[in-house]
N, C-alpha and C. Protein backbone atom coordinates (compact mmCIF):
# COMPACT_ATOMS: atom_id res chain seq x y z
N UNK A 1 -27.43 -49.39 -56.19
CA UNK A 1 -27.14 -48.89 -54.87
C UNK A 1 -26.32 -47.64 -54.94
N UNK A 2 -26.46 -46.84 -53.93
CA UNK A 2 -25.74 -45.56 -53.88
C UNK A 2 -24.53 -45.70 -52.99
N UNK A 3 -23.40 -45.12 -53.44
CA UNK A 3 -22.18 -45.14 -52.63
C UNK A 3 -22.17 -44.02 -51.59
N UNK A 4 -23.09 -43.12 -51.69
CA UNK A 4 -23.12 -41.99 -50.74
C UNK A 4 -23.75 -42.43 -49.43
N UNK A 5 -23.13 -41.98 -48.34
CA UNK A 5 -23.67 -42.28 -47.02
C UNK A 5 -24.44 -41.06 -46.52
N UNK A 6 -25.48 -41.26 -45.74
CA UNK A 6 -26.23 -40.11 -45.22
C UNK A 6 -25.36 -39.29 -44.27
N UNK A 7 -25.62 -38.00 -44.25
CA UNK A 7 -24.87 -37.10 -43.35
C UNK A 7 -25.16 -37.48 -41.91
N UNK A 8 -24.14 -37.46 -41.10
CA UNK A 8 -24.32 -37.78 -39.68
C UNK A 8 -24.22 -36.51 -38.87
N UNK A 9 -24.91 -36.50 -37.77
CA UNK A 9 -24.84 -35.35 -36.86
C UNK A 9 -24.05 -35.76 -35.63
N UNK A 10 -23.39 -34.81 -35.05
CA UNK A 10 -22.59 -35.07 -33.86
C UNK A 10 -23.51 -35.28 -32.67
N UNK A 11 -23.20 -36.27 -31.86
CA UNK A 11 -23.99 -36.53 -30.67
C UNK A 11 -23.63 -35.56 -29.55
N UNK A 12 -22.50 -34.87 -29.69
CA UNK A 12 -22.07 -33.93 -28.65
C UNK A 12 -22.74 -32.57 -28.88
N UNK A 13 -23.26 -31.97 -27.80
CA UNK A 13 -23.88 -30.65 -27.97
C UNK A 13 -22.81 -29.60 -28.28
N UNK A 14 -23.21 -28.60 -29.01
CA UNK A 14 -22.29 -27.51 -29.33
C UNK A 14 -21.95 -26.73 -28.06
N UNK A 15 -20.74 -26.19 -28.01
CA UNK A 15 -20.35 -25.39 -26.85
C UNK A 15 -21.17 -24.11 -26.83
N UNK A 16 -21.56 -23.64 -25.63
CA UNK A 16 -22.34 -22.40 -25.58
C UNK A 16 -21.53 -21.23 -26.11
N UNK A 17 -22.21 -20.36 -26.80
CA UNK A 17 -21.55 -19.18 -27.35
C UNK A 17 -21.19 -18.21 -26.23
N UNK A 18 -20.15 -17.43 -26.45
CA UNK A 18 -19.77 -16.39 -25.49
C UNK A 18 -20.91 -15.38 -25.39
N UNK A 19 -21.21 -14.89 -24.19
CA UNK A 19 -22.26 -13.87 -24.10
C UNK A 19 -21.84 -12.61 -24.85
N UNK A 20 -22.82 -11.92 -25.41
CA UNK A 20 -22.52 -10.70 -26.14
C UNK A 20 -21.99 -9.61 -25.22
N UNK A 21 -22.53 -9.55 -24.02
CA UNK A 21 -22.12 -8.53 -23.07
C UNK A 21 -21.70 -9.22 -21.78
N UNK A 22 -20.60 -8.79 -21.25
CA UNK A 22 -20.10 -9.36 -20.00
C UNK A 22 -20.28 -8.32 -18.90
N UNK A 23 -20.99 -8.69 -17.87
CA UNK A 23 -21.17 -7.81 -16.73
C UNK A 23 -20.18 -8.23 -15.67
N UNK A 24 -19.15 -7.42 -15.43
CA UNK A 24 -18.14 -7.80 -14.45
C UNK A 24 -18.71 -7.80 -13.04
N UNK A 25 -18.12 -8.61 -12.21
CA UNK A 25 -18.51 -8.62 -10.80
C UNK A 25 -18.09 -7.31 -10.16
N UNK A 26 -18.88 -6.82 -9.18
CA UNK A 26 -18.49 -5.58 -8.49
C UNK A 26 -17.13 -5.76 -7.82
N UNK A 27 -16.32 -4.73 -7.90
CA UNK A 27 -14.99 -4.74 -7.30
C UNK A 27 -14.90 -3.61 -6.28
N UNK A 28 -14.14 -3.80 -5.20
CA UNK A 28 -13.95 -2.71 -4.25
C UNK A 28 -13.29 -1.52 -4.93
N UNK A 29 -13.75 -0.33 -4.57
CA UNK A 29 -13.18 0.88 -5.16
C UNK A 29 -11.81 1.18 -4.57
N UNK A 30 -11.60 0.79 -3.33
CA UNK A 30 -10.30 1.00 -2.70
C UNK A 30 -9.98 2.46 -2.44
N UNK A 31 -11.01 3.27 -2.22
CA UNK A 31 -10.80 4.69 -1.97
C UNK A 31 -10.72 4.91 -0.46
N UNK A 32 -9.66 5.58 -0.03
CA UNK A 32 -9.50 5.88 1.40
C UNK A 32 -10.16 7.22 1.69
N UNK A 33 -11.07 7.22 2.65
CA UNK A 33 -11.74 8.46 3.04
C UNK A 33 -11.03 9.05 4.24
N UNK A 34 -10.60 10.28 4.09
CA UNK A 34 -9.93 10.97 5.19
C UNK A 34 -10.96 11.67 6.05
N UNK A 35 -10.76 11.69 7.36
CA UNK A 35 -11.72 12.36 8.24
C UNK A 35 -11.77 13.86 7.97
N UNK A 36 -12.99 14.40 8.06
CA UNK A 36 -13.17 15.84 7.85
C UNK A 36 -13.08 16.61 9.16
N UNK A 37 -13.23 15.89 10.27
CA UNK A 37 -13.24 16.55 11.57
C UNK A 37 -14.65 16.83 12.06
N UNK A 38 -15.64 16.53 11.25
CA UNK A 38 -17.03 16.69 11.65
C UNK A 38 -17.67 15.31 11.63
N UNK A 39 -18.08 14.84 12.81
CA UNK A 39 -18.55 13.45 12.96
C UNK A 39 -19.71 13.10 12.04
N UNK A 40 -20.70 14.00 11.92
CA UNK A 40 -21.86 13.70 11.07
C UNK A 40 -21.46 13.58 9.60
N UNK A 41 -20.61 14.48 9.15
CA UNK A 41 -20.14 14.44 7.76
C UNK A 41 -19.33 13.17 7.53
N UNK A 42 -18.44 12.85 8.46
CA UNK A 42 -17.62 11.64 8.32
C UNK A 42 -18.50 10.39 8.26
N UNK A 43 -19.56 10.36 9.06
CA UNK A 43 -20.46 9.20 9.05
C UNK A 43 -21.15 9.05 7.70
N UNK A 44 -21.57 10.16 7.12
CA UNK A 44 -22.22 10.09 5.81
C UNK A 44 -21.23 9.69 4.72
N UNK A 45 -20.04 10.25 4.75
CA UNK A 45 -19.03 9.88 3.76
C UNK A 45 -18.66 8.41 3.88
N UNK A 46 -18.66 7.90 5.09
CA UNK A 46 -18.37 6.48 5.29
C UNK A 46 -19.44 5.63 4.61
N UNK A 47 -20.63 6.19 4.44
CA UNK A 47 -21.69 5.48 3.74
C UNK A 47 -21.33 5.16 2.30
N UNK A 48 -20.36 5.90 1.75
CA UNK A 48 -19.92 5.60 0.38
C UNK A 48 -19.21 4.25 0.30
N UNK A 49 -18.76 3.75 1.44
CA UNK A 49 -18.12 2.43 1.43
C UNK A 49 -19.12 1.35 1.05
N UNK A 50 -20.42 1.67 1.13
CA UNK A 50 -21.45 0.72 0.71
C UNK A 50 -21.35 0.42 -0.78
N UNK A 51 -20.66 1.28 -1.51
CA UNK A 51 -20.54 1.06 -2.96
C UNK A 51 -19.69 -0.15 -3.29
N UNK A 52 -18.77 -0.51 -2.40
CA UNK A 52 -17.94 -1.69 -2.63
C UNK A 52 -18.85 -2.92 -2.71
N UNK A 53 -18.78 -3.61 -3.80
CA UNK A 53 -19.57 -4.82 -3.95
C UNK A 53 -20.98 -4.60 -4.45
N UNK A 54 -21.36 -3.35 -4.71
CA UNK A 54 -22.70 -3.04 -5.21
C UNK A 54 -22.62 -2.87 -6.72
N UNK A 55 -23.54 -3.45 -7.46
CA UNK A 55 -23.52 -3.27 -8.92
C UNK A 55 -23.57 -1.78 -9.29
N UNK A 56 -22.88 -1.44 -10.35
CA UNK A 56 -22.75 -0.05 -10.79
C UNK A 56 -24.10 0.62 -10.99
N UNK A 57 -25.08 -0.11 -11.47
CA UNK A 57 -26.39 0.49 -11.72
C UNK A 57 -27.05 0.98 -10.44
N UNK A 58 -26.60 0.50 -9.29
CA UNK A 58 -27.17 0.94 -8.01
C UNK A 58 -26.40 2.10 -7.39
N UNK A 59 -25.26 2.47 -7.95
CA UNK A 59 -24.44 3.55 -7.39
C UNK A 59 -25.17 4.89 -7.34
N UNK A 60 -25.90 5.31 -8.38
CA UNK A 60 -26.55 6.62 -8.31
C UNK A 60 -27.45 6.79 -7.10
N UNK A 61 -28.19 5.76 -6.73
CA UNK A 61 -29.07 5.86 -5.56
C UNK A 61 -28.28 6.10 -4.29
N UNK A 62 -27.13 5.43 -4.16
CA UNK A 62 -26.28 5.63 -2.97
C UNK A 62 -25.72 7.04 -2.97
N UNK A 63 -25.20 7.50 -4.13
CA UNK A 63 -24.66 8.86 -4.21
C UNK A 63 -25.73 9.90 -3.88
N UNK A 64 -26.93 9.73 -4.42
CA UNK A 64 -28.00 10.70 -4.16
C UNK A 64 -28.37 10.73 -2.69
N UNK A 65 -28.44 9.56 -2.07
CA UNK A 65 -28.79 9.47 -0.66
C UNK A 65 -27.76 10.19 0.20
N UNK A 66 -26.48 9.92 -0.05
CA UNK A 66 -25.41 10.57 0.71
C UNK A 66 -25.42 12.07 0.45
N UNK A 67 -25.61 12.47 -0.81
CA UNK A 67 -25.62 13.90 -1.15
C UNK A 67 -26.75 14.63 -0.44
N UNK A 68 -27.92 14.04 -0.39
CA UNK A 68 -29.05 14.68 0.29
C UNK A 68 -28.77 14.86 1.78
N UNK A 69 -28.22 13.83 2.40
CA UNK A 69 -27.94 13.94 3.84
C UNK A 69 -26.82 14.93 4.11
N UNK A 70 -25.79 14.95 3.25
CA UNK A 70 -24.72 15.94 3.43
C UNK A 70 -25.27 17.35 3.25
N UNK A 71 -26.15 17.53 2.29
CA UNK A 71 -26.75 18.85 2.07
C UNK A 71 -27.51 19.30 3.31
N UNK A 72 -28.25 18.40 3.92
CA UNK A 72 -29.00 18.72 5.14
C UNK A 72 -28.04 19.09 6.27
N UNK A 73 -27.00 18.31 6.46
CA UNK A 73 -26.02 18.57 7.52
C UNK A 73 -25.33 19.91 7.30
N UNK A 74 -24.85 20.14 6.09
CA UNK A 74 -24.11 21.37 5.81
C UNK A 74 -25.02 22.60 5.88
N UNK A 75 -26.27 22.47 5.49
CA UNK A 75 -27.22 23.58 5.61
C UNK A 75 -27.45 23.91 7.08
N UNK A 76 -27.58 22.89 7.91
CA UNK A 76 -27.79 23.15 9.34
C UNK A 76 -26.55 23.79 9.97
N UNK A 77 -25.36 23.41 9.51
CA UNK A 77 -24.14 24.04 10.02
C UNK A 77 -24.10 25.51 9.62
N UNK A 78 -24.52 25.80 8.39
CA UNK A 78 -24.53 27.18 7.91
C UNK A 78 -25.54 28.00 8.70
N UNK A 79 -26.72 27.45 8.95
CA UNK A 79 -27.74 28.16 9.73
C UNK A 79 -27.28 28.37 11.16
N UNK A 80 -26.60 27.39 11.72
CA UNK A 80 -26.10 27.51 13.09
C UNK A 80 -25.02 28.60 13.17
N UNK A 81 -24.20 28.70 12.14
CA UNK A 81 -23.13 29.71 12.12
C UNK A 81 -23.70 31.12 12.03
N UNK A 82 -24.86 31.28 11.39
CA UNK A 82 -25.49 32.61 11.26
C UNK A 82 -26.16 33.05 12.55
N UNK A 83 -26.52 32.14 13.44
CA UNK A 83 -27.23 32.54 14.66
C UNK A 83 -26.30 33.05 15.72
């Protein structure tokens, strides 16, 4: 007879490994927007508040959208000033 006992395995599952990459939850930016004195511009800048709680990968689309609308508004102001 052999005095060696067979290897036993643990009945408890192994703890899950830490993820390699941690994606943090979106956090409010906490940036205070001061009024510019132009209602249309202020409304567009207020759109940046949409970034609070939005995943970082979606920020460029918001920035581009606001930038395009601000460009349109400011171009129309410039054209109006020339007339």
